[in-house]
N, C-alpha and C. Protein backbone atom coordinates (compact mmCIF):
# COMPACT_ATOMS: atom_id res chain seq x y z
N MET A 1 -18.55 5.08 7.47
CA MET A 1 -18.65 4.59 6.02
C MET A 1 -17.18 4.09 6.08
N LYS A 2 -17.22 3.26 5.20
CA LYS A 2 -15.87 1.97 5.07
C LYS A 2 -15.34 2.88 4.41
N TYR A 3 -13.65 2.65 4.22
CA TYR A 3 -12.64 3.04 3.65
C TYR A 3 -11.93 2.40 3.24
N LEU A 4 -10.97 2.08 2.15
CA LEU A 4 -9.58 1.63 1.37
C LEU A 4 -8.88 2.97 1.96
N VAL A 5 -7.62 2.30 2.37
CA VAL A 5 -7.00 3.37 2.04
C VAL A 5 -5.66 2.49 1.79
N MET A 6 -4.89 2.89 1.04
CA MET A 6 -3.93 2.50 0.55
C MET A 6 -2.25 2.95 -0.17
N VAL A 7 -1.46 1.94 0.66
CA VAL A 7 0.02 2.65 0.15
C VAL A 7 0.61 1.67 -1.06
N GLN A 8 0.85 2.65 -1.88
CA GLN A 8 2.05 2.08 -3.07
C GLN A 8 3.09 1.70 -3.21
N GLY A 9 3.37 1.32 -3.67
CA GLY A 9 4.82 1.21 -4.22
C GLY A 9 5.46 -0.01 -5.20
N THR A 10 6.63 0.31 -5.87
CA THR A 10 7.76 -0.30 -7.11
C THR A 10 8.12 -1.44 -6.78
N GLN A 11 8.46 -2.57 -7.90
CA GLN A 11 9.60 -3.63 -7.62
C GLN A 11 10.78 -2.94 -6.86
N LEU A 12 11.48 -1.49 -6.98
CA LEU A 12 12.76 -1.03 -6.90
C LEU A 12 12.15 -1.17 -5.25
N ASP A 13 11.49 -1.09 -4.36
CA ASP A 13 11.22 -0.19 -2.98
C ASP A 13 11.32 -1.40 -2.68
N TYR A 14 10.59 -2.49 -3.17
CA TYR A 14 11.07 -3.92 -2.35
C TYR A 14 12.04 -4.04 -2.30
N GLU A 15 12.99 -3.83 -3.86
CA GLU A 15 14.36 -4.06 -3.76
C GLU A 15 15.54 -3.29 -2.92
N ALA A 16 14.79 -2.25 -2.74
CA ALA A 16 15.91 -1.73 -1.57
C ALA A 16 15.52 -1.85 -0.29
N MET A 17 14.48 -2.40 0.50
CA MET A 17 14.00 -2.77 1.23
C MET A 17 14.90 -3.95 1.91
N ARG A 18 15.39 -4.60 1.06
CA ARG A 18 16.62 -5.87 0.61
C ARG A 18 17.68 -5.69 0.96
N GLY A 19 18.06 -4.47 0.93
CA GLY A 19 19.02 -4.04 0.52
C GLY A 19 20.23 -3.87 -0.60
N LYS A 20 18.93 -4.30 -1.82
CA LYS A 20 19.64 -3.31 -3.03
C LYS A 20 19.24 -1.94 -3.57
N PRO A 21 20.11 -1.13 -3.77
CA PRO A 21 19.81 0.09 -3.84
C PRO A 21 20.03 0.31 -5.50
N SER A 22 18.84 1.19 -6.05
CA SER A 22 18.89 1.56 -7.13
C SER A 22 18.67 3.29 -7.18
N ASP A 23 19.07 3.53 -8.72
CA ASP A 23 19.23 5.51 -8.79
C ASP A 23 17.88 5.64 -8.19
N GLY A 24 18.19 6.68 -7.43
CA GLY A 24 17.00 7.22 -6.75
C GLY A 24 15.77 6.75 -5.74
N ASN A 25 16.39 5.40 -5.02
CA ASN A 25 16.04 4.47 -4.37
C ASN A 25 17.13 3.86 -3.04
N PRO A 26 17.49 4.44 -2.44
CA PRO A 26 18.76 4.08 -1.30
C PRO A 26 18.23 2.70 -0.85
N ALA A 27 19.30 1.71 -0.51
CA ALA A 27 19.60 1.17 -0.20
C ALA A 27 18.61 0.47 1.82
N TRP A 28 18.03 0.11 2.23
CA TRP A 28 17.27 0.41 3.93
C TRP A 28 17.88 -0.57 4.40
N SER A 29 18.32 0.30 5.44
CA SER A 29 19.42 -0.47 6.51
C SER A 29 18.10 -1.24 8.16
N GLU A 30 18.41 -2.30 8.23
CA GLU A 30 18.06 -3.27 9.22
C GLU A 30 17.10 -2.55 10.18
N GLU A 31 18.05 -0.60 10.43
CA GLU A 31 17.40 -0.05 11.98
C GLU A 31 16.26 0.60 11.19
N GLU A 32 16.55 0.86 9.18
CA GLU A 32 15.15 1.75 9.09
C GLU A 32 14.14 0.81 8.88
N LEU A 33 14.33 -0.32 8.29
CA LEU A 33 13.10 -1.74 7.80
C LEU A 33 12.55 -1.72 9.56
N ARG A 34 12.99 -2.09 10.76
CA ARG A 34 12.89 -2.06 12.15
C ARG A 34 11.69 -0.10 12.40
N ALA A 35 12.21 0.32 12.53
CA ALA A 35 11.00 1.98 12.18
C ALA A 35 10.11 1.69 11.36
N MET A 36 10.27 1.70 10.38
CA MET A 36 8.99 1.08 9.75
C MET A 36 7.88 0.11 9.97
N PHE A 37 8.33 -1.41 10.33
CA PHE A 37 7.84 -1.79 10.85
C PHE A 37 6.87 -1.29 11.73
N ALA A 38 7.64 -0.71 13.09
CA ALA A 38 7.23 -0.34 14.18
C ALA A 38 6.47 0.47 13.73
N HIS A 39 6.18 1.27 13.17
CA HIS A 39 5.27 3.02 12.85
C HIS A 39 4.14 1.94 11.90
N MET A 40 4.37 0.71 11.18
CA MET A 40 3.56 0.56 10.60
C MET A 40 2.47 -0.03 11.31
N ARG A 41 2.74 -1.04 12.77
CA ARG A 41 2.58 -2.05 13.56
C ARG A 41 1.83 -0.83 14.56
N SER A 42 2.23 0.54 14.67
CA SER A 42 1.82 0.98 16.23
C SER A 42 0.43 1.44 15.48
N ILE A 43 0.85 1.98 14.71
CA ILE A 43 -0.94 2.59 13.21
C ILE A 43 -1.91 0.94 13.57
N ASN A 44 -1.78 0.31 13.41
CA ASN A 44 -2.77 -1.31 13.33
C ASN A 44 -2.90 -1.32 14.62
N ASP A 45 -2.34 -1.49 15.98
CA ASP A 45 -2.34 -1.16 17.32
C ASP A 45 -3.69 -0.52 17.33
N ASP A 46 -3.05 0.99 17.67
CA ASP A 46 -4.36 1.95 17.11
C ASP A 46 -5.45 1.39 16.79
N LEU A 47 -6.19 1.33 15.48
CA LEU A 47 -6.62 1.10 14.92
C LEU A 47 -7.40 -0.21 14.97
N ALA A 48 -7.34 -0.67 15.86
CA ALA A 48 -7.54 -2.10 16.13
C ALA A 48 -8.33 -1.65 17.65
N GLU A 49 -7.65 -1.02 18.15
CA GLU A 49 -8.35 -0.22 19.65
C GLU A 49 -9.25 0.40 19.80
N THR A 50 -9.58 0.92 18.54
CA THR A 50 -10.91 2.31 18.35
C THR A 50 -11.54 1.11 17.54
N GLY A 51 -11.62 -0.03 16.74
CA GLY A 51 -12.71 -0.45 17.02
C GLY A 51 -12.33 0.05 14.81
N GLU A 52 -11.56 0.44 14.26
CA GLU A 52 -12.10 0.89 12.80
C GLU A 52 -11.24 0.02 12.30
N MET A 53 -10.30 -0.28 12.76
CA MET A 53 -9.57 -1.07 11.00
C MET A 53 -10.42 -2.59 11.48
N LEU A 54 -10.83 -2.94 9.67
CA LEU A 54 -11.82 -4.55 9.62
C LEU A 54 -10.69 -5.34 9.01
N ASP A 55 -9.35 -5.02 8.36
CA ASP A 55 -8.70 -5.81 7.80
C ASP A 55 -7.57 -4.57 7.18
N GLY A 56 -6.56 -5.56 6.96
CA GLY A 56 -4.95 -4.50 6.78
C GLY A 56 -3.79 -5.61 6.37
N ASN A 57 -3.26 -5.27 5.30
CA ASN A 57 -2.42 -6.62 4.72
C ASN A 57 -0.73 -5.92 4.04
N GLY A 58 0.00 -6.34 4.54
CA GLY A 58 0.89 -5.31 3.48
C GLY A 58 0.95 -6.92 2.20
N LEU A 59 1.27 -6.14 0.51
CA LEU A 59 1.26 -6.88 -0.41
C LEU A 59 2.94 -7.73 -0.74
N ALA A 60 2.75 -9.39 -1.16
CA ALA A 60 3.98 -9.47 -1.78
C ALA A 60 4.78 -8.10 -2.70
N GLU A 61 5.72 -8.73 -2.80
CA GLU A 61 6.53 -7.66 -4.07
C GLU A 61 5.79 -7.76 -5.54
N PRO A 62 6.02 -6.74 -6.16
CA PRO A 62 5.80 -7.12 -7.83
C PRO A 62 5.75 -8.37 -8.58
N ALA A 63 7.19 -8.61 -8.40
CA ALA A 63 7.19 -9.62 -9.24
C ALA A 63 6.79 -11.14 -9.11
N GLN A 64 6.01 -10.70 -7.71
CA GLN A 64 5.48 -12.10 -8.05
C GLN A 64 3.74 -11.71 -8.15
N THR A 65 3.79 -11.07 -8.88
CA THR A 65 1.69 -10.88 -9.36
C THR A 65 1.95 -11.28 -10.62
N ARG A 66 0.81 -11.65 -10.78
CA ARG A 66 -0.26 -12.07 -12.31
C ARG A 66 -0.54 -11.63 -12.88
N PHE A 67 -0.84 -11.10 -13.88
CA PHE A 67 -2.19 -10.20 -14.59
C PHE A 67 -2.56 -10.99 -15.54
N VAL A 68 -4.36 -11.34 -15.40
CA VAL A 68 -5.10 -11.91 -16.39
C VAL A 68 -6.04 -11.05 -16.79
N THR A 69 -5.71 -11.20 -18.34
CA THR A 69 -6.24 -10.11 -18.96
C THR A 69 -7.28 -10.67 -20.19
N PRO A 70 -8.33 -9.80 -20.77
CA PRO A 70 -9.13 -10.85 -21.82
C PRO A 70 -8.30 -11.35 -23.10
N GLY A 71 -8.26 -12.17 -23.60
CA GLY A 71 -7.65 -12.36 -24.80
C GLY A 71 -8.47 -11.73 -25.97
N VAL A 72 -7.89 -11.10 -27.06
CA VAL A 72 -8.79 -10.40 -28.13
C VAL A 72 -9.17 -11.74 -28.93
N ASP A 73 -9.46 -12.62 -29.43
CA ASP A 73 -9.74 -13.48 -29.85
C ASP A 73 -9.87 -15.30 -29.30
N GLY A 74 -9.46 -15.30 -28.21
CA GLY A 74 -9.28 -16.26 -27.58
C GLY A 74 -9.51 -16.64 -26.06
N PRO A 75 -8.03 -17.32 -25.32
CA PRO A 75 -8.49 -17.22 -23.94
C PRO A 75 -7.67 -16.34 -23.52
N PRO A 76 -8.12 -15.85 -21.85
CA PRO A 76 -7.68 -14.79 -21.21
C PRO A 76 -6.04 -15.13 -21.62
N VAL A 77 -4.92 -13.93 -21.16
CA VAL A 77 -4.22 -14.17 -21.54
C VAL A 77 -3.15 -13.12 -20.22
N ILE A 78 -2.44 -14.23 -19.72
CA ILE A 78 -1.84 -14.62 -17.85
C ILE A 78 -0.20 -14.53 -18.03
N SER A 79 0.26 -13.75 -17.46
CA SER A 79 1.31 -12.53 -17.57
C SER A 79 1.82 -12.88 -16.08
N ASP A 80 3.05 -13.11 -16.03
CA ASP A 80 3.32 -12.71 -14.47
C ASP A 80 4.52 -11.24 -15.09
N GLY A 81 4.62 -10.30 -13.58
CA GLY A 81 5.19 -9.21 -13.43
C GLY A 81 6.88 -9.42 -13.01
N PRO A 82 7.51 -8.67 -12.41
CA PRO A 82 6.58 -6.71 -12.44
C PRO A 82 6.52 -6.14 -14.33
N TYR A 83 6.07 -5.39 -13.67
CA TYR A 83 6.48 -4.47 -15.87
C TYR A 83 6.29 -3.23 -16.09
N GLY A 84 7.47 -2.60 -17.00
CA GLY A 84 8.03 -1.51 -16.79
C GLY A 84 6.59 -0.36 -17.10
N GLU A 85 5.60 -1.02 -17.99
CA GLU A 85 4.62 0.04 -17.97
C GLU A 85 3.45 0.64 -16.54
N THR A 86 3.63 -0.64 -16.28
CA THR A 86 3.19 -0.92 -14.37
C THR A 86 4.07 -0.08 -13.34
N LYS A 87 4.49 1.27 -12.76
CA LYS A 87 5.13 1.30 -12.15
C LYS A 87 5.33 0.91 -10.55
N GLU A 88 4.18 1.51 -10.09
CA GLU A 88 3.85 1.44 -9.05
C GLU A 88 2.36 0.51 -9.17
N LEU A 89 2.59 -0.06 -7.64
CA LEU A 89 1.07 -0.78 -7.47
C LEU A 89 0.79 -0.94 -6.01
N LEU A 90 -0.19 -1.27 -5.72
CA LEU A 90 -0.87 -1.74 -4.52
C LEU A 90 0.43 -2.21 -3.68
N ALA A 91 1.22 -1.73 -3.08
CA ALA A 91 2.48 -2.26 -1.99
C ALA A 91 1.42 -3.02 -0.44
N GLY A 92 0.45 -2.26 0.24
CA GLY A 92 -0.59 -2.83 1.10
C GLY A 92 -1.69 -2.00 1.15
N TYR A 93 -2.27 -2.39 2.45
CA TYR A 93 -3.57 -1.68 2.14
C TYR A 93 -4.69 -1.77 3.85
N TRP A 94 -5.41 -0.90 3.95
CA TRP A 94 -6.02 -0.85 5.30
C TRP A 94 -7.73 -1.08 5.21
N VAL A 95 -8.97 -1.54 5.39
CA VAL A 95 -9.71 -1.58 5.73
C VAL A 95 -10.39 -0.95 6.53
N LEU A 96 -10.54 0.58 6.35
CA LEU A 96 -11.50 1.14 7.88
C LEU A 96 -12.78 1.56 7.58
N GLU A 97 -13.81 1.76 9.01
CA GLU A 97 -14.48 2.23 8.72
C GLU A 97 -14.55 3.24 9.93
N CYS A 98 -15.02 4.17 9.34
CA CYS A 98 -14.44 5.75 10.56
C CYS A 98 -15.86 6.80 10.29
N GLU A 99 -15.60 7.17 10.97
CA GLU A 99 -17.01 8.39 10.91
C GLU A 99 -17.02 9.24 10.22
N SER A 100 -16.10 9.80 9.19
CA SER A 100 -15.79 10.72 8.72
C SER A 100 -14.34 10.72 7.66
N LEU A 101 -14.46 11.13 6.19
CA LEU A 101 -13.76 11.20 5.59
C LEU A 101 -12.33 12.01 6.38
N ASP A 102 -12.47 13.31 7.16
CA ASP A 102 -11.65 13.82 8.11
C ASP A 102 -10.54 13.10 8.68
N ARG A 103 -11.28 11.56 9.10
CA ARG A 103 -11.17 11.02 10.81
C ARG A 103 -9.84 10.37 9.80
N VAL A 104 -10.63 9.11 8.37
CA VAL A 104 -9.46 8.97 7.60
C VAL A 104 -8.46 9.42 6.83
N THR A 105 -8.32 10.54 6.92
CA THR A 105 -7.28 10.93 6.15
C THR A 105 -6.47 11.72 7.11
N GLU A 106 -6.71 11.34 8.52
CA GLU A 106 -5.77 12.06 9.56
C GLU A 106 -5.03 10.55 9.42
N ILE A 107 -5.51 9.13 9.26
CA ILE A 107 -5.00 8.34 9.62
C ILE A 107 -3.76 8.61 8.29
N ALA A 108 -4.63 8.55 6.98
CA ALA A 108 -3.86 8.43 6.00
C ALA A 108 -2.28 9.20 6.36
N LYS A 109 -2.09 10.84 7.05
CA LYS A 109 -1.39 11.17 7.44
C LYS A 109 -0.20 10.68 8.12
N ARG A 110 -1.04 10.10 9.47
CA ARG A 110 0.14 8.95 9.96
C ARG A 110 0.93 8.26 9.09
N VAL A 111 0.06 7.64 8.06
CA VAL A 111 0.70 6.67 7.61
C VAL A 111 1.64 6.81 6.38
N ALA A 112 1.87 8.49 5.70
CA ALA A 112 2.58 8.93 5.14
C ALA A 112 3.84 9.29 5.87
N GLU A 113 3.92 9.51 7.00
CA GLU A 113 4.68 9.56 7.94
C GLU A 113 6.01 8.78 8.26
N CYS A 114 5.00 7.56 7.77
CA CYS A 114 6.38 6.48 7.65
C CYS A 114 7.99 6.85 7.69
N PRO A 115 8.63 6.13 9.11
CA PRO A 115 10.20 6.24 8.37
C PRO A 115 10.88 5.70 7.58
N GLY A 116 11.73 6.14 6.85
CA GLY A 116 12.44 5.73 5.72
C GLY A 116 13.93 6.06 5.87
N PRO A 117 14.55 6.05 4.74
CA PRO A 117 15.84 6.22 4.52
C PRO A 117 15.81 7.21 3.69
N GLU A 118 17.02 8.22 3.83
CA GLU A 118 16.93 9.33 3.55
C GLU A 118 16.97 9.38 2.10
N GLY A 119 16.32 10.14 1.22
CA GLY A 119 16.69 10.05 -0.24
C GLY A 119 15.06 9.00 -0.95
N ALA A 120 14.22 8.26 0.02
CA ALA A 120 14.31 7.37 -0.56
C ALA A 120 12.52 8.12 -1.45
N PRO A 121 12.01 7.40 -1.91
CA PRO A 121 11.20 8.21 -2.82
C PRO A 121 9.85 7.88 -1.87
N VAL A 122 8.92 8.78 -2.46
CA VAL A 122 7.74 9.46 -1.48
C VAL A 122 6.53 8.77 -2.83
N ARG A 123 6.38 7.95 -1.56
CA ARG A 123 4.66 7.45 -2.37
C ARG A 123 3.47 7.62 -1.54
N PRO A 124 2.29 8.02 -2.60
CA PRO A 124 1.09 8.49 -2.11
C PRO A 124 0.30 7.15 -1.37
N VAL A 125 -0.39 8.14 -0.46
CA VAL A 125 -1.03 6.86 0.17
C VAL A 125 -2.96 7.39 0.16
N VAL A 126 -3.20 6.46 -0.70
CA VAL A 126 -4.83 6.88 -1.62
C VAL A 126 -5.96 6.14 -0.19
N ILE A 127 -7.07 7.15 -0.63
CA ILE A 127 -7.53 6.90 -0.04
C ILE A 127 -9.48 6.76 -0.65
N ARG A 128 -9.85 5.58 -0.58
CA ARG A 128 -11.67 5.22 -1.48
C ARG A 128 -12.56 5.13 -0.66
N PRO A 129 -13.52 5.95 -0.58
CA PRO A 129 -14.43 5.19 0.31
C PRO A 129 -14.98 3.82 -0.52
N ILE A 130 -15.51 3.24 0.13
CA ILE A 130 -16.14 1.62 -0.33
C ILE A 130 -18.17 1.74 -0.37
N LEU A 131 -18.01 1.94 -1.77
CA LEU A 131 -19.73 2.12 -1.51
C LEU A 131 -19.98 0.67 -0.99
N ASP A 132 -21.43 1.47 -0.56
CA ASP A 132 -22.34 0.17 0.32
C ASP A 132 -22.75 -0.38 -0.54
N GLY A 133 -23.49 -1.29 -0.30
CA GLY A 133 -24.51 -2.42 -1.26
C GLY A 133 -25.60 -1.26 -2.68
N GLY A 134 -26.11 -0.25 -2.09
CA GLY A 134 -26.90 0.48 -2.82
C GLY A 134 -25.99 1.39 -4.10
N GLY A 135 -24.59 1.45 -3.64
CA GLY A 135 -23.90 2.00 -4.60
C GLY A 135 -23.83 3.63 -4.35
N ASP A 136 -24.72 4.01 -3.64
CA ASP A 136 -24.04 5.17 -3.51
C ASP A 136 -23.08 5.53 -2.27
N LEU A 137 -22.40 6.95 -2.39
CA LEU A 137 -21.34 7.24 -1.16
C LEU A 137 -22.30 7.80 -0.13
N CYS A 138 -23.11 7.98 0.13
CA CYS A 138 -23.29 8.34 2.14
C CYS A 138 -23.96 7.30 2.49
């Protein structure tokens, strides 16, 4: 079964990683950033070795996001991000092929153990099964 494993984040998270703290989001040190990247690289290496990783990437910060929405009575509306009403956005993902939901949950738990600065917000790791061409989950 294929799964999409997603890590969420906010614009403030990206700014904190660049050393700019905000209320409830402390600045990351160079050492903390290195530890986070090493943690993620280790996961990627292990998943590549087991053959479970089909794809995975970190995504650019929400400030580089563009939203395209249907226009009410005209052409689509194009807006640049980030937006106050959209607090958390996809920050990174993996497309995995795993034998079971239990196995992908083990991987997501490992992702959730990613190191960071004391007091940093805790963001969920979301698992979504990818539907096959037939549209069912089995």
